[in-house]
Amino acid sequence: MAGLTAANKLYKSGVKKGAFKLCVVEGGNRIGGRINTSEFGGDKIKMGATWIHGIAENGHMDMITTNRQWHGSETA
């Protein structure tokens, strides 16, 4: 999500079309970053993407607080 969000911000930044080329590269050996699905006992379990970088001007955080899905924060 971070790479796609950064690419989207660059794309929408108002820079003259064709001024740069943009390529989003996956950092791991599979697509998805921290977003992952595991299988346990025949059930699929959603893993990852359980934390958000920064809360100021963050569309995801706005969605969470608007829908009252915020349960606090922890630092590991």
PDB file of N, CA and C in Angstrom:
ATOM      1  N   MET A   1       0.812  -1.189   0.000  1.00  0.00           N
ATOM      2  CA  MET A   1       0.000   0.000   0.000  1.00  0.00           C
ATOM      3  C   MET A   1       0.859   1.259   0.000  1.00  0.00           C
ATOM      4  N   ALA A   2       1.986   1.224   0.703  1.00  0.00           N
ATOM      5  CA  ALA A   2       2.836   2.417   0.779  1.00  0.00           C
ATOM      6  C   ALA A   2       3.365   2.804  -0.596  1.00  0.00           C
ATOM      7  N   GLY A   3       3.822   1.825  -1.352  1.00  0.00           N
ATOM      8  CA  GLY A   3       4.349   2.105  -2.686  1.00  0.00           C
ATOM      9  C   GLY A   3       3.283   2.635  -3.623  1.00  0.00           C
ATOM     10  N   LEU A   4       2.099   2.036  -3.561  1.00  0.00           N
ATOM     11  CA  LEU A   4       1.002   2.494  -4.411  1.00  0.00           C
ATOM     12  C   LEU A   4       0.534   3.887  -4.003  1.00  0.00           C
ATOM     13  N   THR A   5       0.510   4.157  -2.695  1.00  0.00           N
ATOM     14  CA  THR A   5       0.121   5.482  -2.216  1.00  0.00           C
ATOM     15  C   THR A   5       1.121   6.532  -2.669  1.00  0.00           C
ATOM     16  N   ALA A   6       2.419   6.231  -2.543  1.00  0.00           N
ATOM     17  CA  ALA A   6       3.459   7.167  -2.986  1.00  0.00           C
ATOM     18  C   ALA A   6       3.358   7.414  -4.489  1.00  0.00           C
ATOM     19  N   ALA A   7       3.153   6.353  -5.255  1.00  0.00           N
ATOM     20  CA  ALA A   7       3.025   6.495  -6.710  1.00  0.00           C
ATOM     21  C   ALA A   7       1.818   7.353  -7.064  1.00  0.00           C
ATOM     22  N   ASN A   8       0.711   7.144  -6.359  1.00  0.00           N
ATOM     23  CA  ASN A   8      -0.501   7.922  -6.608  1.00  0.00           C
ATOM     24  C   ASN A   8      -0.281   9.401  -6.297  1.00  0.00           C
ATOM     25  N   LYS A   9       0.398   9.698  -5.190  1.00  0.00           N
ATOM     26  CA  LYS A   9       0.678  11.101  -4.837  1.00  0.00           C
ATOM     27  C   LYS A   9       1.568  11.755  -5.888  1.00  0.00           C
ATOM     28  N   LEU A  10       2.574  11.040  -6.358  1.00  0.00           N
ATOM     29  CA  LEU A  10       3.435  11.583  -7.405  1.00  0.00           C
ATOM     30  C   LEU A  10       2.648  11.822  -8.689  1.00  0.00           C
ATOM     31  N   TYR A  11       1.808  10.867  -9.040  1.00  0.00           N
ATOM     32  CA  TYR A  11       1.005  10.966 -10.259  1.00  0.00           C
ATOM     33  C   TYR A  11       0.076  12.179 -10.214  1.00  0.00           C
ATOM     34  N   LYS A  12      -0.498  12.425  -9.017  1.00  0.00           N
ATOM     35  CA  LYS A  12      -1.447  13.527  -8.860  1.00  0.00           C
ATOM     36  C   LYS A  12      -0.781  14.843  -8.460  1.00  0.00           C
ATOM     37  N   SER A  13       0.536  14.888  -8.402  1.00  0.00           N
ATOM     38  CA  SER A  13       1.259  16.056  -7.881  1.00  0.00           C
ATOM     39  C   SER A  13       1.201  17.282  -8.780  1.00  0.00           C
ATOM     40  N   GLY A  14       0.714  17.129  -9.981  1.00  0.00           N
ATOM     41  CA  GLY A  14       0.625  18.269 -10.880  1.00  0.00           C
ATOM     42  C   GLY A  14       1.868  18.470 -11.727  1.00  0.00           C
ATOM     43  N   VAL A  15       2.829  17.562 -11.618  1.00  0.00           N
ATOM     44  CA  VAL A  15       4.028  17.641 -12.452  1.00  0.00           C
ATOM     45  C   VAL A  15       3.611  17.428 -13.899  1.00  0.00           C
ATOM     46  N   LYS A  16       4.217  18.164 -14.790  1.00  0.00           N
ATOM     47  CA  LYS A  16       3.898  18.073 -16.219  1.00  0.00           C
ATOM     48  C   LYS A  16       3.950  16.617 -16.687  1.00  0.00           C
ATOM     49  N   LYS A  17       2.923  16.202 -17.407  1.00  0.00           N
ATOM     50  CA  LYS A  17       2.848  14.829 -17.908  1.00  0.00           C
ATOM     51  C   LYS A  17       4.083  14.519 -18.747  1.00  0.00           C
ATOM     52  N   GLY A  18       4.698  13.387 -18.478  1.00  0.00           N
ATOM     53  CA  GLY A  18       5.887  12.971 -19.207  1.00  0.00           C
ATOM     54  C   GLY A  18       7.179  13.494 -18.603  1.00  0.00           C
ATOM     55  N   ALA A  19       7.089  14.259 -17.495  1.00  0.00           N
ATOM     56  CA  ALA A  19       8.291  14.817 -16.866  1.00  0.00           C
ATOM     57  C   ALA A  19       9.126  13.735 -16.188  1.00  0.00           C
ATOM     58  N   PHE A  20       8.491  12.649 -15.803  1.00  0.00           N
ATOM     59  CA  PHE A  20       9.224  11.549 -15.177  1.00  0.00           C
ATOM     60  C   PHE A  20       8.506  10.237 -15.473  1.00  0.00           C
ATOM     61  N   LYS A  21       9.239   9.147 -15.336  1.00  0.00           N
ATOM     62  CA  LYS A  21       8.662   7.812 -15.460  1.00  0.00           C
ATOM     63  C   LYS A  21       8.578   7.232 -14.060  1.00  0.00           C
ATOM     64  N   LEU A  22       7.539   6.492 -13.791  1.00  0.00           N
ATOM     65  CA  LEU A  22       7.293   5.953 -12.467  1.00  0.00           C
ATOM     66  C   LEU A  22       7.178   4.440 -12.543  1.00  0.00           C
ATOM     67  N   CYS A  23       7.890   3.768 -11.653  1.00  0.00           N
ATOM     68  CA  CYS A  23       7.838   2.310 -11.585  1.00  0.00           C
ATOM     69  C   CYS A  23       7.736   1.907 -10.118  1.00  0.00           C
ATOM     70  N   VAL A  24       6.690   1.188  -9.751  1.00  0.00           N
ATOM     71  CA  VAL A  24       6.526   0.699  -8.386  1.00  0.00           C
ATOM     72  C   VAL A  24       7.146  -0.695  -8.329  1.00  0.00           C
ATOM     73  N   VAL A  25       8.092  -0.879  -7.406  1.00  0.00           N
ATOM     74  CA  VAL A  25       8.817  -2.146  -7.287  1.00  0.00           C
ATOM     75  C   VAL A  25       8.463  -2.803  -5.961  1.00  0.00           C
ATOM     76  N   GLU A  26       8.164  -4.092  -5.989  1.00  0.00           N
ATOM     77  CA  GLU A  26       7.863  -4.845  -4.775  1.00  0.00           C
ATOM     78  C   GLU A  26       9.161  -5.172  -4.051  1.00  0.00           C
ATOM     79  N   GLY A  27       9.189  -4.960  -2.735  1.00  0.00           N
ATOM     80  CA  GLY A  27      10.400  -5.178  -1.948  1.00  0.00           C
ATOM     81  C   GLY A  27      10.649  -6.634  -1.588  1.00  0.00           C
ATOM     82  N   GLY A  28       9.633  -7.468  -1.625  1.00  0.00           N
ATOM     83  CA  GLY A  28       9.785  -8.869  -1.247  1.00  0.00           C
ATOM     84  C   GLY A  28       9.682  -9.790  -2.446  1.00  0.00           C
ATOM     85  N   ASN A  29       9.552 -11.068  -2.148  1.00  0.00           N
ATOM     86  CA  ASN A  29       9.489 -12.059  -3.226  1.00  0.00           C
ATOM     87  C   ASN A  29       8.056 -12.358  -3.678  1.00  0.00           C
ATOM     88  N   ARG A  30       7.099 -11.574  -3.172  1.00  0.00           N
ATOM     89  CA  ARG A  30       5.711 -11.732  -3.597  1.00  0.00           C
ATOM     90  C   ARG A  30       5.023 -10.372  -3.560  1.00  0.00           C
ATOM     91  N   ILE A  31       3.926 -10.242  -4.236  1.00  0.00           N
ATOM     92  CA  ILE A  31       3.158  -8.998  -4.254  1.00  0.00           C
ATOM     93  C   ILE A  31       2.351  -8.889  -2.964  1.00  0.00           C
ATOM     94  N   GLY A  32       2.315  -7.694  -2.381  1.00  0.00           N
ATOM     95  CA  GLY A  32       1.440  -7.472  -1.233  1.00  0.00           C
ATOM     96  C   GLY A  32       2.081  -6.835  -0.023  1.00  0.00           C
ATOM     97  N   GLY A  33       3.411  -6.834   0.062  1.00  0.00           N
ATOM     98  CA  GLY A  33       4.059  -6.238   1.234  1.00  0.00           C
ATOM     99  C   GLY A  33       3.611  -6.905   2.519  1.00  0.00           C
ATOM    100  N   ARG A  34       3.154  -6.103   3.489  1.00  0.00           N
ATOM    101  CA  ARG A  34       2.702  -6.657   4.769  1.00  0.00           C
ATOM    102  C   ARG A  34       1.316  -7.277   4.675  1.00  0.00           C
ATOM    103  N   ILE A  35       0.598  -7.021   3.578  1.00  0.00           N
ATOM    104  CA  ILE A  35      -0.729  -7.614   3.420  1.00  0.00           C
ATOM    105  C   ILE A  35      -0.538  -9.058   2.972  1.00  0.00           C
ATOM    106  N   ASN A  36      -1.093  -9.975   3.730  1.00  0.00           N
ATOM    107  CA  ASN A  36      -0.861 -11.386   3.458  1.00  0.00           C
ATOM    108  C   ASN A  36      -2.053 -12.199   3.956  1.00  0.00           C
ATOM    109  N   THR A  37      -2.290 -13.338   3.360  1.00  0.00           N
ATOM    110  CA  THR A  37      -3.304 -14.273   3.822  1.00  0.00           C
ATOM    111  C   THR A  37      -2.624 -15.609   4.074  1.00  0.00           C
ATOM    112  N   SER A  38      -2.846 -16.173   5.263  1.00  0.00           N
ATOM    113  CA  SER A  38      -2.293 -17.482   5.608  1.00  0.00           C
ATOM    114  C   SER A  38      -3.432 -18.482   5.717  1.00  0.00           C
ATOM    115  N   GLU A  39      -3.075 -19.750   5.666  1.00  0.00           N
ATOM    116  CA  GLU A  39      -4.077 -20.788   5.827  1.00  0.00           C
ATOM    117  C   GLU A  39      -3.760 -21.572   7.087  1.00  0.00           C
ATOM    118  N   PHE A  40      -4.783 -21.792   7.922  1.00  0.00           N
ATOM    119  CA  PHE A  40      -4.611 -22.529   9.170  1.00  0.00           C
ATOM    120  C   PHE A  40      -5.827 -23.418   9.368  1.00  0.00           C
ATOM    121  N   GLY A  41      -5.617 -24.708   9.408  1.00  0.00           N
ATOM    122  CA  GLY A  41      -6.718 -25.640   9.597  1.00  0.00           C
ATOM    123  C   GLY A  41      -7.783 -25.548   8.521  1.00  0.00           C
ATOM    124  N   GLY A  42      -7.371 -25.225   7.311  1.00  0.00           N
ATOM    125  CA  GLY A  42      -8.311 -25.113   6.207  1.00  0.00           C
ATOM    126  C   GLY A  42      -9.001 -23.760   6.101  1.00  0.00           C
ATOM    127  N   ASP A  43      -8.749 -22.884   7.080  1.00  0.00           N
ATOM    128  CA  ASP A  43      -9.342 -21.543   7.054  1.00  0.00           C
ATOM    129  C   ASP A  43      -8.319 -20.526   6.592  1.00  0.00           C
ATOM    130  N   LYS A  44      -8.771 -19.533   5.853  1.00  0.00           N
ATOM    131  CA  LYS A  44      -7.889 -18.445   5.422  1.00  0.00           C
ATOM    132  C   LYS A  44      -7.935 -17.341   6.467  1.00  0.00           C
ATOM    133  N   ILE A  45      -6.751 -16.882   6.873  1.00  0.00           N
ATOM    134  CA  ILE A  45      -6.630 -15.857   7.905  1.00  0.00           C
ATOM    135  C   ILE A  45      -5.892 -14.664   7.325  1.00  0.00           C
ATOM    136  N   LYS A  46      -6.492 -13.484   7.439  1.00  0.00           N
ATOM    137  CA  LYS A  46      -5.862 -12.254   6.957  1.00  0.00           C
ATOM    138  C   LYS A  46      -4.745 -11.858   7.921  1.00  0.00           C
ATOM    139  N   MET A  47      -3.580 -11.577   7.365  1.00  0.00           N
ATOM    140  CA  MET A  47      -2.420 -11.189   8.167  1.00  0.00           C
ATOM    141  C   MET A  47      -1.901  -9.845   7.666  1.00  0.00           C
ATOM    142  N   GLY A  48      -1.170  -9.163   8.494  1.00  0.00           N
ATOM    143  CA  GLY A  48      -0.456  -7.961   8.070  1.00  0.00           C
ATOM    144  C   GLY A  48      -1.308  -6.737   7.861  1.00  0.00           C
ATOM    145  N   ALA A  49      -0.613  -5.667   7.472  1.00  0.00           N
ATOM    146  CA  ALA A  49      -1.217  -4.345   7.280  1.00  0.00           C
ATOM    147  C   ALA A  49      -2.045  -3.958   8.497  1.00  0.00           C
ATOM    148  N   THR A  50      -1.496  -4.217   9.681  1.00  0.00           N
ATOM    149  CA  THR A  50      -2.224  -3.949  10.920  1.00  0.00           C
ATOM    150  C   THR A  50      -1.785  -2.666  11.596  1.00  0.00           C
ATOM    151  N   TRP A  51      -0.911  -1.905  10.952  1.00  0.00           N
ATOM    152  CA  TRP A  51      -0.513  -0.619  11.517  1.00  0.00           C
ATOM    153  C   TRP A  51      -0.400   0.416  10.418  1.00  0.00           C
ATOM    154  N   ILE A  52      -0.492   1.673  10.823  1.00  0.00           N
ATOM    155  CA  ILE A  52      -0.543   2.789   9.881  1.00  0.00           C
ATOM    156  C   ILE A  52       0.615   3.734  10.157  1.00  0.00           C
ATOM    157  N   HIS A  53       1.302   4.181   9.119  1.00  0.00           N
ATOM    158  CA  HIS A  53       2.376   5.169   9.247  1.00  0.00           C
ATOM    159  C   HIS A  53       1.763   6.561   9.317  1.00  0.00           C
ATOM    160  N   GLY A  54       1.883   7.217  10.453  1.00  0.00           N
ATOM    161  CA  GLY A  54       1.406   8.594  10.573  1.00  0.00           C
ATOM    162  C   GLY A  54      -0.100   8.712  10.526  1.00  0.00           C
ATOM    163  N   ILE A  55      -0.639   9.643  11.290  1.00  0.00           N
ATOM    164  CA  ILE A  55      -2.092   9.798  11.319  1.00  0.00           C
ATOM    165  C   ILE A  55      -2.546  11.150  10.775  1.00  0.00           C
ATOM    166  N   ALA A  56      -1.619  12.095  10.628  1.00  0.00           N
ATOM    167  CA  ALA A  56      -1.985  13.411  10.105  1.00  0.00           C
ATOM    168  C   ALA A  56      -2.176  13.320   8.592  1.00  0.00           C
ATOM    169  N   GLU A  57      -3.275  13.844   8.115  1.00  0.00           N
ATOM    170  CA  GLU A  57      -3.583  13.854   6.686  1.00  0.00           C
ATOM    171  C   GLU A  57      -3.471  12.463   6.058  1.00  0.00           C
ATOM    172  N   ASN A  58      -4.012  11.482   6.736  1.00  0.00           N
ATOM    173  CA  ASN A  58      -3.946  10.099   6.279  1.00  0.00           C
ATOM    174  C   ASN A  58      -5.370   9.624   6.002  1.00  0.00           C
ATOM    175  N   GLY A  59      -5.683   9.365   4.743  1.00  0.00           N
ATOM    176  CA  GLY A  59      -7.023   8.932   4.360  1.00  0.00           C
ATOM    177  C   GLY A  59      -7.485   7.679   5.076  1.00  0.00           C
ATOM    178  N   HIS A  60      -6.561   6.746   5.309  1.00  0.00           N
ATOM    179  CA  HIS A  60      -6.917   5.510   6.010  1.00  0.00           C
ATOM    180  C   HIS A  60      -7.313   5.818   7.448  1.00  0.00           C
ATOM    181  N   MET A  61      -6.530   6.679   8.113  1.00  0.00           N
ATOM    182  CA  MET A  61      -6.835   7.036   9.493  1.00  0.00           C
ATOM    183  C   MET A  61      -8.161   7.783   9.573  1.00  0.00           C
ATOM    184  N   ASP A  62      -8.419   8.655   8.605  1.00  0.00           N
ATOM    185  CA  ASP A  62      -9.696   9.374   8.571  1.00  0.00           C
ATOM    186  C   ASP A  62     -10.861   8.388   8.491  1.00  0.00           C
ATOM    187  N   MET A  63     -10.716   7.361   7.652  1.00  0.00           N
ATOM    188  CA  MET A  63     -11.747   6.344   7.496  1.00  0.00           C
ATOM    189  C   MET A  63     -11.966   5.582   8.808  1.00  0.00           C
ATOM    190  N   ILE A  64     -10.875   5.241   9.468  1.00  0.00           N
ATOM    191  CA  ILE A  64     -10.952   4.481  10.720  1.00  0.00           C
ATOM    192  C   ILE A  64     -11.674   5.287  11.793  1.00  0.00           C
ATOM    193  N   THR A  65     -11.292   6.547  11.972  1.00  0.00           N
ATOM    194  CA  THR A  65     -11.920   7.359  13.019  1.00  0.00           C
ATOM    195  C   THR A  65     -13.375   7.681  12.676  1.00  0.00           C
ATOM    196  N   THR A  66     -13.666   7.921  11.414  1.00  0.00           N
ATOM    197  CA  THR A  66     -15.042   8.205  10.997  1.00  0.00           C
ATOM    198  C   THR A  66     -15.952   7.017  11.295  1.00  0.00           C
ATOM    199  N   ASN A  67     -15.447   5.813  11.076  1.00  0.00           N
ATOM    200  CA  ASN A  67     -16.239   4.601  11.291  1.00  0.00           C
ATOM    201  C   ASN A  67     -16.072   4.016  12.681  1.00  0.00           C
ATOM    202  N   ARG A  68     -15.388   4.756  13.556  1.00  0.00           N
ATOM    203  CA  ARG A  68     -15.181   4.358  14.961  1.00  0.00           C
ATOM    204  C   ARG A  68     -14.558   2.973  15.088  1.00  0.00           C
ATOM    205  N   GLN A  69     -13.550   2.700  14.276  1.00  0.00           N
ATOM    206  CA  GLN A  69     -12.859   1.413  14.318  1.00  0.00           C
ATOM    207  C   GLN A  69     -11.514   1.507  15.029  1.00  0.00           C
ATOM    208  N   TRP A  70     -11.225   2.641  15.659  1.00  0.00           N
ATOM    209  CA  TRP A  70      -9.939   2.860  16.321  1.00  0.00           C
ATOM    210  C   TRP A  70      -9.957   2.196  17.684  1.00  0.00           C
ATOM    211  N   HIS A  71      -8.980   1.342  17.967  1.00  0.00           N
ATOM    212  CA  HIS A  71      -8.915   0.628  19.242  1.00  0.00           C
ATOM    213  C   HIS A  71      -7.671   0.991  20.042  1.00  0.00           C
ATOM    214  N   GLY A  72      -7.011   2.085  19.690  1.00  0.00           N
ATOM    215  CA  GLY A  72      -5.815   2.486  20.415  1.00  0.00           C
ATOM    216  C   GLY A  72      -4.564   2.143  19.637  1.00  0.00           C
ATOM    217  N   SER A  73      -3.432   2.248  20.319  1.00  0.00           N
ATOM    218  CA  SER A  73      -2.172   1.969  19.634  1.00  0.00           C
ATOM    219  C   SER A  73      -1.196   1.288  20.574  1.00  0.00           C
ATOM    220  N   GLU A  74      -0.292   0.551  19.993  1.00  0.00           N
ATOM    221  CA  GLU A  74       0.774  -0.116  20.730  1.00  0.00           C
ATOM    222  C   GLU A  74       2.055   0.037  19.948  1.00  0.00           C
ATOM    223  N   THR A  75       3.169   0.080  20.648  1.00  0.00           N
ATOM    224  CA  THR A  75       4.472   0.107  20.004  1.00  0.00           C
ATOM    225  C   THR A  75       5.227  -1.137  20.426  1.00  0.00           C
ATOM    226  N   ALA A  76       5.767  -1.850  19.458  1.00  0.00           N
ATOM    227  CA  ALA A  76       6.507  -3.081  19.771  1.00  0.00           C
ATOM    228  C   ALA A  76       7.966  -2.758  19.950  1.00  0.00           C
TER     229      ALA A  76
END
